[in-house]
Amino acid sequence: MTPRNPDYAAAVEADFAAATFVQHLGITPTRIAPGEIHATLAVKPEHAQQAGTVHAGVQTTLADHCAGAAAGSLAAPDEGIVSVEFKVHMLRPAVGERLYCVARVVKPGRRFAIVEAEVHTGDPQKPTARLLGTMAYVPRAPTR
């Protein structure tokens, strides 16, 4: 896949840094490539749901943001990304000290990108969540 922004990696890193909720959760990109993002999150007590496993909302946010970043790595410099729709399957309880996510663009387009993301706790063969979604390319919002 060919990025439309030669500075795509810096743009993706800037988007991670500007997303305050993502920063609050502690999501950090670990690999940025055209159409593919890897990220991690150190699990904290406040990420747990009532049974002690990582809350579905935390996993969904990790998958959604990484999937958007994967699409964003292919965006033009004047474009941003928004989620249009996605479905997340929670596959098994997430228990561990760290979550990992790998997100990829399945089908790039001019206005939309089909994306997928998988979350796991250290074994990619045992994902805890899987997202399939659509991201839209939109005019980049002015900086605040």
C-alpha atoms as a PDB file:
ATOM      1  CA  MET A   1       0.000   0.000   0.000  1.00  0.00           C
ATOM      2  CA  THR A   2       1.259   3.422  -0.877  1.00  0.00           C
ATOM      3  CA  PRO A   3       0.758   6.280   1.596  1.00  0.00           C
ATOM      4  CA  ARG A   4      -0.428   9.613   0.160  1.00  0.00           C
ATOM      5  CA  ASN A   5       1.619  11.466   2.763  1.00  0.00           C
ATOM      6  CA  PRO A   6       5.394  10.979   2.672  1.00  0.00           C
ATOM      7  CA  ASP A   7       5.425  11.931   6.387  1.00  0.00           C
ATOM      8  CA  TYR A   8       2.759   9.346   7.251  1.00  0.00           C
ATOM      9  CA  ALA A   9       4.609   7.949  10.294  1.00  0.00           C
ATOM     10  CA  ALA A  10       4.971  11.376  11.900  1.00  0.00           C
ATOM     11  CA  ALA A  11       1.295  12.125  11.161  1.00  0.00           C
ATOM     12  CA  VAL A  12       0.192   8.867  12.821  1.00  0.00           C
ATOM     13  CA  GLU A  13       2.397   9.537  15.858  1.00  0.00           C
ATOM     14  CA  ALA A  14       0.950  13.058  16.098  1.00  0.00           C
ATOM     15  CA  ASP A  15      -2.590  11.661  15.984  1.00  0.00           C
ATOM     16  CA  PHE A  16      -1.786   9.228  18.814  1.00  0.00           C
ATOM     17  CA  ALA A  17      -0.318  12.097  20.852  1.00  0.00           C
ATOM     18  CA  ALA A  18      -3.317  14.376  20.181  1.00  0.00           C
ATOM     19  CA  ALA A  19      -5.935  11.783  21.203  1.00  0.00           C
ATOM     20  CA  THR A  20      -6.290  12.572  24.896  1.00  0.00           C
ATOM     21  CA  PHE A  21      -8.508   9.580  25.708  1.00  0.00           C
ATOM     22  CA  VAL A  22      -6.002   7.266  24.004  1.00  0.00           C
ATOM     23  CA  GLN A  23      -3.229   8.899  26.042  1.00  0.00           C
ATOM     24  CA  HIS A  24      -5.305   8.533  29.211  1.00  0.00           C
ATOM     25  CA  LEU A  25      -5.635   4.786  28.587  1.00  0.00           C
ATOM     26  CA  GLY A  26      -1.910   4.492  27.854  1.00  0.00           C
ATOM     27  CA  ILE A  27      -2.070   3.242  24.249  1.00  0.00           C
ATOM     28  CA  THR A  28       1.316   3.538  22.530  1.00  0.00           C
ATOM     29  CA  PRO A  29       2.192   2.771  18.907  1.00  0.00           C
ATOM     30  CA  THR A  30       5.084   0.330  18.517  1.00  0.00           C
ATOM     31  CA  ARG A  31       5.200  -0.069  14.728  1.00  0.00           C
ATOM     32  CA  ILE A  32       3.902   2.214  11.987  1.00  0.00           C
ATOM     33  CA  ALA A  33       3.891   1.032   8.378  1.00  0.00           C
ATOM     34  CA  PRO A  34       1.695   1.957   5.405  1.00  0.00           C
ATOM     35  CA  GLY A  35      -1.681   0.369   6.130  1.00  0.00           C
ATOM     36  CA  GLU A  36      -0.535  -1.373   9.334  1.00  0.00           C
ATOM     37  CA  ILE A  37      -0.199  -0.297  12.956  1.00  0.00           C
ATOM     38  CA  HIS A  38       0.995  -2.183  16.017  1.00  0.00           C
ATOM     39  CA  ALA A  39       0.329  -0.777  19.487  1.00  0.00           C
ATOM     40  CA  THR A  40       0.404  -1.792  23.113  1.00  0.00           C
ATOM     41  CA  LEU A  41      -1.213  -0.858  26.402  1.00  0.00           C
ATOM     42  CA  ALA A  42      -0.013  -1.639  29.923  1.00  0.00           C
ATOM     43  CA  VAL A  43      -3.037  -3.004  31.779  1.00  0.00           C
ATOM     44  CA  LYS A  44      -3.920  -1.022  34.909  1.00  0.00           C
ATOM     45  CA  PRO A  45      -6.428  -1.837  37.653  1.00  0.00           C
ATOM     46  CA  GLU A  46      -8.803   0.818  36.300  1.00  0.00           C
ATOM     47  CA  HIS A  47      -9.003  -1.072  32.963  1.00  0.00           C
ATOM     48  CA  ALA A  48     -10.795  -4.003  34.633  1.00  0.00           C
ATOM     49  CA  GLN A  49     -14.473  -4.778  34.566  1.00  0.00           C
ATOM     50  CA  GLN A  50     -16.312  -6.300  37.519  1.00  0.00           C
ATOM     51  CA  ALA A  51     -14.952  -9.846  36.953  1.00  0.00           C
ATOM     52  CA  GLY A  52     -11.355  -8.646  36.853  1.00  0.00           C
ATOM     53  CA  THR A  53     -10.672  -9.027  33.134  1.00  0.00           C
ATOM     54  CA  VAL A  54      -9.866  -6.094  30.840  1.00  0.00           C
ATOM     55  CA  HIS A  55     -13.060  -4.196  30.034  1.00  0.00           C
ATOM     56  CA  ALA A  56     -14.467  -4.591  26.528  1.00  0.00           C
ATOM     57  CA  GLY A  57     -14.470  -0.795  26.174  1.00  0.00           C
ATOM     58  CA  VAL A  58     -10.706  -0.662  26.676  1.00  0.00           C
ATOM     59  CA  GLN A  59     -10.127  -3.394  24.101  1.00  0.00           C
ATOM     60  CA  THR A  60     -12.561  -1.760  21.682  1.00  0.00           C
ATOM     61  CA  THR A  61     -10.868   1.623  22.029  1.00  0.00           C
ATOM     62  CA  LEU A  62      -7.471   0.035  21.408  1.00  0.00           C
ATOM     63  CA  ALA A  63      -8.745  -1.792  18.308  1.00  0.00           C
ATOM     64  CA  ASP A  64     -10.706   1.205  16.963  1.00  0.00           C
ATOM     65  CA  HIS A  65      -7.888   3.708  17.380  1.00  0.00           C
ATOM     66  CA  CYS A  66      -5.315   1.370  15.849  1.00  0.00           C
ATOM     67  CA  ALA A  67      -7.621   0.549  12.931  1.00  0.00           C
ATOM     68  CA  GLY A  68      -8.148   4.273  12.361  1.00  0.00           C
ATOM     69  CA  ALA A  69      -4.403   4.849  12.539  1.00  0.00           C
ATOM     70  CA  ALA A  70      -3.828   2.092   9.958  1.00  0.00           C
ATOM     71  CA  ALA A  71      -6.234   3.887   7.609  1.00  0.00           C
ATOM     72  CA  GLY A  72      -4.670   7.211   8.604  1.00  0.00           C
ATOM     73  CA  SER A  73      -1.259   5.991   7.499  1.00  0.00           C
ATOM     74  CA  LEU A  74      -2.643   6.037   3.954  1.00  0.00           C
ATOM     75  CA  ALA A  75      -4.352   9.458   4.244  1.00  0.00           C
ATOM     76  CA  ALA A  76      -3.329  12.600   2.411  1.00  0.00           C
ATOM     77  CA  PRO A  77      -1.695  15.313   4.563  1.00  0.00           C
ATOM     78  CA  ASP A  78      -4.937  17.340   4.673  1.00  0.00           C
ATOM     79  CA  GLU A  79      -7.141  14.379   5.657  1.00  0.00           C
ATOM     80  CA  GLY A  80      -8.183  12.956   8.986  1.00  0.00           C
ATOM     81  CA  ILE A  81      -9.940   9.697   9.832  1.00  0.00           C
ATOM     82  CA  VAL A  82     -13.253   8.968  11.509  1.00  0.00           C
ATOM     83  CA  SER A  83     -14.905   5.654  12.267  1.00  0.00           C
ATOM     84  CA  VAL A  84     -18.026   5.101  10.181  1.00  0.00           C
ATOM     85  CA  GLU A  85     -18.934   1.719  11.634  1.00  0.00           C
ATOM     86  CA  PHE A  86     -17.325  -1.283  13.221  1.00  0.00           C
ATOM     87  CA  LYS A  87     -18.158  -4.587  14.824  1.00  0.00           C
ATOM     88  CA  VAL A  88     -16.095  -6.108  17.600  1.00  0.00           C
ATOM     89  CA  HIS A  89     -16.148  -9.756  18.597  1.00  0.00           C
ATOM     90  CA  MET A  90     -14.944 -10.407  22.133  1.00  0.00           C
ATOM     91  CA  LEU A  91     -13.307 -13.819  21.704  1.00  0.00           C
ATOM     92  CA  ARG A  92     -11.950 -14.669  25.165  1.00  0.00           C
ATOM     93  CA  PRO A  93     -11.309 -12.905  28.475  1.00  0.00           C
ATOM     94  CA  ALA A  94      -8.326 -10.556  28.373  1.00  0.00           C
ATOM     95  CA  VAL A  95      -6.143 -11.326  31.368  1.00  0.00           C
ATOM     96  CA  GLY A  96      -2.554 -10.185  31.578  1.00  0.00           C
ATOM     97  CA  GLU A  97      -0.194  -7.298  32.179  1.00  0.00           C
ATOM     98  CA  ARG A  98      -0.277  -5.942  28.637  1.00  0.00           C
ATOM     99  CA  LEU A  99      -2.554  -5.778  25.598  1.00  0.00           C
ATOM    100  CA  TYR A 100      -1.214  -5.783  22.054  1.00  0.00           C
ATOM    101  CA  CYS A 101      -3.027  -4.757  18.895  1.00  0.00           C
ATOM    102  CA  VAL A 102      -2.260  -5.260  15.228  1.00  0.00           C
ATOM    103  CA  ALA A 103      -4.455  -3.322  12.804  1.00  0.00           C
ATOM    104  CA  ARG A 104      -4.428  -3.480   9.012  1.00  0.00           C
ATOM    105  CA  VAL A 105      -6.194  -1.884   6.101  1.00  0.00           C
ATOM    106  CA  VAL A 106      -7.969  -4.679   4.240  1.00  0.00           C
ATOM    107  CA  LYS A 107      -9.243  -2.563   1.338  1.00  0.00           C
ATOM    108  CA  PRO A 108      -8.072   1.017   0.829  1.00  0.00           C
ATOM    109  CA  GLY A 109     -10.192   3.486  -1.104  1.00  0.00           C
ATOM    110  CA  ARG A 110     -10.339   7.181  -1.926  1.00  0.00           C
ATOM    111  CA  ARG A 111     -13.017   8.027   0.658  1.00  0.00           C
ATOM    112  CA  PHE A 112     -13.281   4.906   2.810  1.00  0.00           C
ATOM    113  CA  ALA A 113     -11.020   2.116   4.054  1.00  0.00           C
ATOM    114  CA  ILE A 114     -12.055  -1.315   5.278  1.00  0.00           C
ATOM    115  CA  VAL A 115      -9.959  -2.183   8.338  1.00  0.00           C
ATOM    116  CA  GLU A 116      -9.401  -5.032  10.769  1.00  0.00           C
ATOM    117  CA  ALA A 117      -7.701  -5.209  14.143  1.00  0.00           C
ATOM    118  CA  GLU A 118      -6.898  -7.958  16.600  1.00  0.00           C
ATOM    119  CA  VAL A 119      -6.138  -7.550  20.293  1.00  0.00           C
ATOM    120  CA  HIS A 120      -4.247 -10.163  22.314  1.00  0.00           C
ATOM    121  CA  THR A 121      -2.402 -10.483  25.627  1.00  0.00           C
ATOM    122  CA  GLY A 122       0.873 -11.819  24.241  1.00  0.00           C
ATOM    123  CA  ASP A 123      -0.056 -14.740  22.005  1.00  0.00           C
ATOM    124  CA  PRO A 124      -1.237 -13.551  18.566  1.00  0.00           C
ATOM    125  CA  GLN A 125      -2.730 -17.011  18.008  1.00  0.00           C
ATOM    126  CA  LYS A 126      -5.165 -16.363  20.868  1.00  0.00           C
ATOM    127  CA  PRO A 127      -6.829 -13.009  20.187  1.00  0.00           C
ATOM    128  CA  THR A 128      -9.116 -11.587  22.849  1.00  0.00           C
ATOM    129  CA  ALA A 129     -10.965  -9.247  20.467  1.00  0.00           C
ATOM    130  CA  ARG A 130     -11.326  -8.771  16.714  1.00  0.00           C
ATOM    131  CA  LEU A 131     -12.639  -5.652  14.967  1.00  0.00           C
ATOM    132  CA  LEU A 132     -13.837  -5.261  11.381  1.00  0.00           C
ATOM    133  CA  GLY A 133     -14.817  -1.769  10.357  1.00  0.00           C
ATOM    134  CA  THR A 134     -15.011   1.100   7.930  1.00  0.00           C
ATOM    135  CA  MET A 135     -13.071   4.342   8.302  1.00  0.00           C
ATOM    136  CA  ALA A 136     -13.778   7.525   6.324  1.00  0.00           C
ATOM    137  CA  TYR A 137     -11.249  10.060   5.104  1.00  0.00           C
ATOM    138  CA  VAL A 138     -12.449  13.558   6.004  1.00  0.00           C
ATOM    139  CA  PRO A 139     -10.927  17.045   5.821  1.00  0.00           C
ATOM    140  CA  ARG A 140      -8.505  17.390   8.739  1.00  0.00           C
ATOM    141  CA  ALA A 141      -9.954  19.484  11.530  1.00  0.00           C
ATOM    142  CA  PRO A 142      -8.073  22.668  12.399  1.00  0.00           C
ATOM    143  CA  THR A 143      -5.699  22.267  15.319  1.00  0.00           C
ATOM    144  CA  ARG A 144      -7.036  23.496  18.643  1.00  0.00           C
END
